[in-house]
Amino acid sequence: MTDADKKELLDFVLKQLDDDQAQEVVTIDLEGKSSIADYMVIASGRSTRQVASIAQKLAEKLKQNGYGPVKLEGLPAADWVLLDAGDIVVHLFRPEVRSFYNLERMWAFGDAPPVAGTA
């Protein structure tokens, strides 16, 4: 996937999260720093129902728009749902769970600063 394709995918994910009223969306650039993905997106939903809904809709929209099927983990409980779209990994949390795990802080101590304009 080219850099332009990755940026297009990231923009698509961010727009869908905004459309579904995800809260506190943060994007972390992992390119060249981690083999798991090029971008990590972290967002919150107000409840388990909203977290599950955001995750399912995002997975469906990605597939409908030609980005291929994605892998979803954690959907039954929906406290923390991981959506793996290949070059982008999305973590969706309930606020309390997000605060507990604090992924942003863990990655901030590494060499992966948030992408400008998303923090």
N, C-alpha and C. Protein backbone atom coordinates (compact mmCIF):
# COMPACT_ATOMS: atom_id res chain seq x y z
N MET A 1 0.85 -1.17 0.00
CA MET A 1 0.00 0.00 0.00
C MET A 1 0.89 1.24 0.00
N THR A 2 0.60 2.19 -0.88
CA THR A 2 1.40 3.41 -0.95
C THR A 2 1.09 4.33 0.23
N ASP A 3 1.96 5.29 0.45
CA ASP A 3 1.73 6.26 1.53
C ASP A 3 0.41 7.01 1.32
N ALA A 4 0.10 7.34 0.06
CA ALA A 4 -1.15 8.04 -0.25
C ALA A 4 -2.36 7.15 0.07
N ASP A 5 -2.25 5.86 -0.23
CA ASP A 5 -3.33 4.92 0.08
C ASP A 5 -3.53 4.78 1.59
N LYS A 6 -2.42 4.75 2.32
CA LYS A 6 -2.50 4.65 3.78
C LYS A 6 -3.17 5.90 4.37
N LYS A 7 -2.79 7.06 3.84
CA LYS A 7 -3.38 8.32 4.32
C LYS A 7 -4.87 8.36 3.98
N GLU A 8 -5.23 7.88 2.81
CA GLU A 8 -6.65 7.82 2.41
C GLU A 8 -7.43 6.90 3.34
N LEU A 9 -6.86 5.75 3.67
CA LEU A 9 -7.50 4.82 4.60
C LEU A 9 -7.64 5.45 5.98
N LEU A 10 -6.59 6.12 6.45
CA LEU A 10 -6.64 6.79 7.75
C LEU A 10 -7.73 7.86 7.74
N ASP A 11 -7.79 8.67 6.70
CA ASP A 11 -8.83 9.71 6.60
C ASP A 11 -10.22 9.10 6.60
N PHE A 12 -10.38 7.97 5.91
CA PHE A 12 -11.67 7.28 5.86
C PHE A 12 -12.07 6.82 7.27
N VAL A 13 -11.13 6.20 7.98
CA VAL A 13 -11.40 5.72 9.34
C VAL A 13 -11.78 6.88 10.24
N LEU A 14 -11.02 7.96 10.19
CA LEU A 14 -11.28 9.12 11.05
C LEU A 14 -12.64 9.74 10.74
N LYS A 15 -13.01 9.80 9.47
CA LYS A 15 -14.32 10.35 9.11
C LYS A 15 -15.45 9.48 9.65
N GLN A 16 -15.29 8.16 9.52
CA GLN A 16 -16.33 7.26 10.03
C GLN A 16 -16.46 7.37 11.55
N LEU A 17 -15.34 7.47 12.24
CA LEU A 17 -15.39 7.63 13.69
C LEU A 17 -16.09 8.93 14.07
N ASP A 18 -15.81 9.99 13.32
CA ASP A 18 -16.46 11.27 13.57
C ASP A 18 -17.96 11.16 13.29
N ASP A 19 -18.33 10.53 12.19
CA ASP A 19 -19.74 10.36 11.83
C ASP A 19 -20.50 9.59 12.91
N ASP A 20 -19.83 8.63 13.54
CA ASP A 20 -20.46 7.81 14.58
C ASP A 20 -20.27 8.36 15.99
N GLN A 21 -19.78 9.59 16.07
CA GLN A 21 -19.65 10.32 17.32
C GLN A 21 -18.71 9.67 18.32
N ALA A 22 -17.64 9.07 17.80
CA ALA A 22 -16.59 8.58 18.70
C ALA A 22 -15.97 9.78 19.39
N GLN A 23 -15.50 9.57 20.60
CA GLN A 23 -14.97 10.66 21.40
C GLN A 23 -13.46 10.53 21.58
N GLU A 24 -12.81 11.68 21.79
CA GLU A 24 -11.37 11.72 22.10
C GLU A 24 -10.55 10.85 21.15
N VAL A 25 -10.67 11.11 19.87
CA VAL A 25 -9.96 10.34 18.85
C VAL A 25 -8.50 10.82 18.78
N VAL A 26 -7.58 9.87 18.90
CA VAL A 26 -6.15 10.15 18.83
C VAL A 26 -5.55 9.22 17.79
N THR A 27 -4.68 9.77 16.94
CA THR A 27 -3.98 8.96 15.95
C THR A 27 -2.49 8.98 16.27
N ILE A 28 -1.88 7.82 16.30
CA ILE A 28 -0.46 7.70 16.58
C ILE A 28 0.23 7.10 15.36
N ASP A 29 1.26 7.78 14.86
CA ASP A 29 2.01 7.35 13.69
C ASP A 29 3.02 6.30 14.12
N LEU A 30 2.86 5.08 13.62
CA LEU A 30 3.75 3.97 13.97
C LEU A 30 4.68 3.58 12.83
N GLU A 31 4.56 4.24 11.70
CA GLU A 31 5.32 3.86 10.52
C GLU A 31 6.83 3.88 10.81
N GLY A 32 7.47 2.76 10.55
CA GLY A 32 8.89 2.63 10.79
C GLY A 32 9.26 2.40 12.25
N LYS A 33 8.26 2.40 13.13
CA LYS A 33 8.52 2.25 14.57
C LYS A 33 7.96 0.95 15.13
N SER A 34 7.02 0.36 14.38
CA SER A 34 6.39 -0.88 14.83
C SER A 34 5.97 -1.69 13.61
N SER A 35 6.02 -3.00 13.76
CA SER A 35 5.60 -3.86 12.65
C SER A 35 4.10 -4.18 12.71
N ILE A 36 3.41 -3.74 13.77
CA ILE A 36 1.99 -4.09 13.90
C ILE A 36 1.11 -3.31 12.93
N ALA A 37 1.47 -2.05 12.64
CA ALA A 37 0.66 -1.21 11.75
C ALA A 37 1.43 0.08 11.49
N ASP A 38 0.92 0.88 10.56
CA ASP A 38 1.51 2.19 10.30
C ASP A 38 0.85 3.28 11.13
N TYR A 39 -0.42 3.06 11.49
CA TYR A 39 -1.13 4.02 12.34
C TYR A 39 -1.95 3.27 13.38
N MET A 40 -2.02 3.85 14.56
CA MET A 40 -2.91 3.36 15.60
C MET A 40 -3.89 4.49 15.90
N VAL A 41 -5.17 4.15 15.89
CA VAL A 41 -6.20 5.13 16.21
C VAL A 41 -6.87 4.65 17.50
N ILE A 42 -6.99 5.55 18.46
CA ILE A 42 -7.61 5.24 19.74
C ILE A 42 -8.80 6.18 19.90
N ALA A 43 -9.96 5.61 20.26
CA ALA A 43 -11.16 6.43 20.43
C ALA A 43 -12.04 5.81 21.51
N SER A 44 -12.98 6.60 21.98
CA SER A 44 -13.91 6.14 23.02
C SER A 44 -15.34 6.23 22.54
N GLY A 45 -16.16 5.34 23.12
CA GLY A 45 -17.60 5.42 22.99
C GLY A 45 -18.18 5.62 24.37
N ARG A 46 -19.38 6.13 24.46
CA ARG A 46 -19.98 6.44 25.77
C ARG A 46 -20.43 5.20 26.53
N SER A 47 -20.66 4.09 25.83
CA SER A 47 -21.18 2.88 26.46
C SER A 47 -20.73 1.66 25.66
N THR A 48 -20.93 0.48 26.22
CA THR A 48 -20.59 -0.74 25.48
C THR A 48 -21.40 -0.83 24.20
N ARG A 49 -22.64 -0.41 24.25
CA ARG A 49 -23.49 -0.44 23.05
C ARG A 49 -22.92 0.45 21.96
N GLN A 50 -22.47 1.67 22.32
CA GLN A 50 -21.92 2.56 21.31
C GLN A 50 -20.58 2.05 20.79
N VAL A 51 -19.75 1.52 21.67
CA VAL A 51 -18.46 0.97 21.24
C VAL A 51 -18.69 -0.15 20.23
N ALA A 52 -19.60 -1.06 20.53
CA ALA A 52 -19.91 -2.16 19.61
C ALA A 52 -20.47 -1.64 18.29
N SER A 53 -21.35 -0.67 18.36
CA SER A 53 -21.95 -0.12 17.15
C SER A 53 -20.91 0.56 16.27
N ILE A 54 -20.05 1.37 16.88
CA ILE A 54 -18.99 2.04 16.11
C ILE A 54 -18.10 1.00 15.43
N ALA A 55 -17.69 -0.03 16.16
CA ALA A 55 -16.81 -1.05 15.62
C ALA A 55 -17.46 -1.80 14.46
N GLN A 56 -18.70 -2.22 14.65
CA GLN A 56 -19.39 -2.97 13.60
C GLN A 56 -19.61 -2.13 12.35
N LYS A 57 -20.02 -0.88 12.54
CA LYS A 57 -20.25 0.00 11.39
C LYS A 57 -18.95 0.31 10.66
N LEU A 58 -17.88 0.54 11.41
CA LEU A 58 -16.60 0.82 10.77
C LEU A 58 -16.12 -0.38 9.96
N ALA A 59 -16.23 -1.57 10.53
CA ALA A 59 -15.84 -2.79 9.81
C ALA A 59 -16.66 -2.95 8.53
N GLU A 60 -17.96 -2.72 8.63
CA GLU A 60 -18.84 -2.84 7.47
C GLU A 60 -18.50 -1.81 6.40
N LYS A 61 -18.27 -0.56 6.81
CA LYS A 61 -17.95 0.51 5.85
C LYS A 61 -16.61 0.25 5.17
N LEU A 62 -15.63 -0.24 5.92
CA LEU A 62 -14.33 -0.55 5.32
C LEU A 62 -14.48 -1.61 4.24
N LYS A 63 -15.25 -2.64 4.54
CA LYS A 63 -15.46 -3.71 3.57
C LYS A 63 -16.23 -3.20 2.35
N GLN A 64 -17.28 -2.42 2.57
CA GLN A 64 -18.10 -1.87 1.48
C GLN A 64 -17.29 -0.97 0.55
N ASN A 65 -16.29 -0.29 1.09
CA ASN A 65 -15.51 0.66 0.32
C ASN A 65 -14.21 0.08 -0.22
N GLY A 66 -14.11 -1.24 -0.23
CA GLY A 66 -13.00 -1.90 -0.89
C GLY A 66 -11.71 -2.01 -0.09
N TYR A 67 -11.78 -1.77 1.21
CA TYR A 67 -10.58 -1.89 2.03
C TYR A 67 -10.42 -3.30 2.59
N GLY A 68 -11.27 -4.19 2.16
CA GLY A 68 -11.17 -5.59 2.55
C GLY A 68 -11.80 -5.87 3.90
N PRO A 69 -11.97 -7.14 4.21
CA PRO A 69 -12.51 -7.49 5.53
C PRO A 69 -11.50 -7.15 6.62
N VAL A 70 -12.01 -6.79 7.77
CA VAL A 70 -11.15 -6.47 8.90
C VAL A 70 -11.38 -7.49 10.01
N LYS A 71 -10.44 -7.56 10.91
CA LYS A 71 -10.57 -8.46 12.06
C LYS A 71 -11.05 -7.66 13.25
N LEU A 72 -12.03 -8.20 13.96
CA LEU A 72 -12.56 -7.57 15.16
C LEU A 72 -12.31 -8.49 16.35
N GLU A 73 -11.81 -7.91 17.44
CA GLU A 73 -11.60 -8.65 18.68
C GLU A 73 -12.28 -7.89 19.81
N GLY A 74 -12.91 -8.61 20.72
CA GLY A 74 -13.49 -7.99 21.90
C GLY A 74 -14.92 -7.51 21.74
N LEU A 75 -15.54 -7.87 20.64
CA LEU A 75 -16.89 -7.37 20.37
C LEU A 75 -17.95 -7.87 21.36
N PRO A 76 -17.92 -9.11 21.81
CA PRO A 76 -18.98 -9.54 22.73
C PRO A 76 -19.10 -8.68 24.00
N ALA A 77 -17.97 -8.35 24.64
CA ALA A 77 -18.03 -7.53 25.86
C ALA A 77 -18.10 -6.04 25.51
N ALA A 78 -17.39 -5.65 24.45
CA ALA A 78 -17.37 -4.27 23.94
C ALA A 78 -16.87 -3.24 24.95
N ASP A 79 -16.03 -3.66 25.88
CA ASP A 79 -15.34 -2.71 26.75
C ASP A 79 -14.14 -2.13 26.01
N TRP A 80 -13.49 -3.01 25.24
CA TRP A 80 -12.33 -2.64 24.43
C TRP A 80 -12.42 -3.49 23.16
N VAL A 81 -12.63 -2.85 22.04
CA VAL A 81 -12.72 -3.55 20.76
C VAL A 81 -11.52 -3.15 19.91
N LEU A 82 -10.84 -4.14 19.39
CA LEU A 82 -9.71 -3.93 18.50
C LEU A 82 -10.17 -4.24 17.08
N LEU A 83 -9.94 -3.29 16.19
CA LEU A 83 -10.28 -3.47 14.79
C LEU A 83 -8.97 -3.40 14.00
N ASP A 84 -8.62 -4.50 13.34
CA ASP A 84 -7.37 -4.57 12.58
C ASP A 84 -7.68 -4.44 11.10
N ALA A 85 -7.29 -3.28 10.53
CA ALA A 85 -7.50 -3.03 9.11
C ALA A 85 -6.18 -3.08 8.36
N GLY A 86 -5.26 -3.88 8.84
CA GLY A 86 -3.96 -4.03 8.18
C GLY A 86 -3.00 -2.91 8.56
N ASP A 87 -2.96 -1.85 7.77
CA ASP A 87 -2.04 -0.75 8.03
C ASP A 87 -2.52 0.17 9.15
N ILE A 88 -3.77 0.00 9.55
CA ILE A 88 -4.33 0.81 10.64
C ILE A 88 -5.00 -0.12 11.65
N VAL A 89 -4.66 0.11 12.92
CA VAL A 89 -5.28 -0.61 14.01
C VAL A 89 -6.10 0.40 14.81
N VAL A 90 -7.36 0.07 15.07
CA VAL A 90 -8.24 0.97 15.80
C VAL A 90 -8.61 0.31 17.13
N HIS A 91 -8.40 1.05 18.22
CA HIS A 91 -8.79 0.62 19.56
C HIS A 91 -9.99 1.47 19.97
N LEU A 92 -11.11 0.83 20.26
CA LEU A 92 -12.31 1.52 20.74
C LEU A 92 -12.58 1.09 22.17
N PHE A 93 -12.73 2.06 23.04
CA PHE A 93 -12.87 1.79 24.47
C PHE A 93 -14.10 2.46 25.06
N ARG A 94 -14.57 1.87 26.17
CA ARG A 94 -15.41 2.64 27.09
C ARG A 94 -14.44 3.55 27.83
N PRO A 95 -14.86 4.75 28.24
CA PRO A 95 -13.92 5.70 28.87
C PRO A 95 -13.16 5.15 30.07
N GLU A 96 -13.83 4.38 30.94
CA GLU A 96 -13.17 3.86 32.12
C GLU A 96 -12.06 2.86 31.76
N VAL A 97 -12.32 2.05 30.76
CA VAL A 97 -11.35 1.04 30.32
C VAL A 97 -10.17 1.73 29.64
N ARG A 98 -10.48 2.74 28.84
CA ARG A 98 -9.41 3.50 28.17
C ARG A 98 -8.49 4.15 29.20
N SER A 99 -9.08 4.74 30.20
CA SER A 99 -8.30 5.39 31.25
C SER A 99 -7.41 4.38 31.98
N PHE A 100 -7.94 3.19 32.22
CA PHE A 100 -7.18 2.15 32.92
C PHE A 100 -5.96 1.71 32.12
N TYR A 101 -6.14 1.41 30.83
CA TYR A 101 -5.04 0.91 30.01
C TYR A 101 -4.13 2.01 29.50
N ASN A 102 -4.66 3.19 29.27
CA ASN A 102 -3.90 4.38 28.90
C ASN A 102 -2.86 4.12 27.80
N LEU A 103 -3.32 3.60 26.67
CA LEU A 103 -2.42 3.28 25.56
C LEU A 103 -1.68 4.50 25.05
N GLU A 104 -2.33 5.67 25.06
CA GLU A 104 -1.67 6.88 24.58
C GLU A 104 -0.39 7.15 25.37
N ARG A 105 -0.47 6.98 26.68
CA ARG A 105 0.70 7.24 27.53
C ARG A 105 1.80 6.23 27.24
N MET A 106 1.42 4.97 27.06
CA MET A 106 2.40 3.94 26.78
C MET A 106 3.16 4.26 25.48
N TRP A 107 2.44 4.67 24.45
CA TRP A 107 3.08 4.97 23.17
C TRP A 107 3.78 6.32 23.19
N ALA A 108 3.36 7.23 24.04
CA ALA A 108 3.99 8.55 24.12
C ALA A 108 5.42 8.44 24.64
N PHE A 109 5.70 7.43 25.48
CA PHE A 109 7.05 7.25 25.99
C PHE A 109 7.95 6.59 24.96
N GLY A 110 7.34 6.03 23.92
CA GLY A 110 8.14 5.48 22.84
C GLY A 110 8.46 6.57 21.84
N ASP A 111 8.79 6.16 20.65
CA ASP A 111 9.16 7.11 19.60
C ASP A 111 8.03 7.23 18.59
N ALA A 112 6.79 7.34 19.09
CA ALA A 112 5.63 7.39 18.20
C ALA A 112 4.68 8.50 18.65
N PRO A 113 4.98 9.75 18.31
CA PRO A 113 4.12 10.85 18.74
C PRO A 113 2.78 10.84 18.02
N PRO A 114 1.75 11.43 18.65
CA PRO A 114 0.47 11.55 17.97
C PRO A 114 0.61 12.34 16.67
N VAL A 115 -0.21 12.02 15.69
CA VAL A 115 -0.21 12.73 14.43
C VAL A 115 -0.80 14.11 14.66
N ALA A 116 -0.20 15.13 14.09
CA ALA A 116 -0.65 16.51 14.28
C ALA A 116 -2.12 16.65 13.91
N GLY A 117 -2.85 17.37 14.74
CA GLY A 117 -4.26 17.65 14.48
C GLY A 117 -5.22 16.59 14.94
N THR A 118 -4.74 15.50 15.54
CA THR A 118 -5.65 14.45 15.96
C THR A 118 -5.66 14.26 17.46
N ALA A 119 -4.74 14.86 18.15
CA ALA A 119 -4.67 14.67 19.61
C ALA A 119 -5.60 15.63 20.32
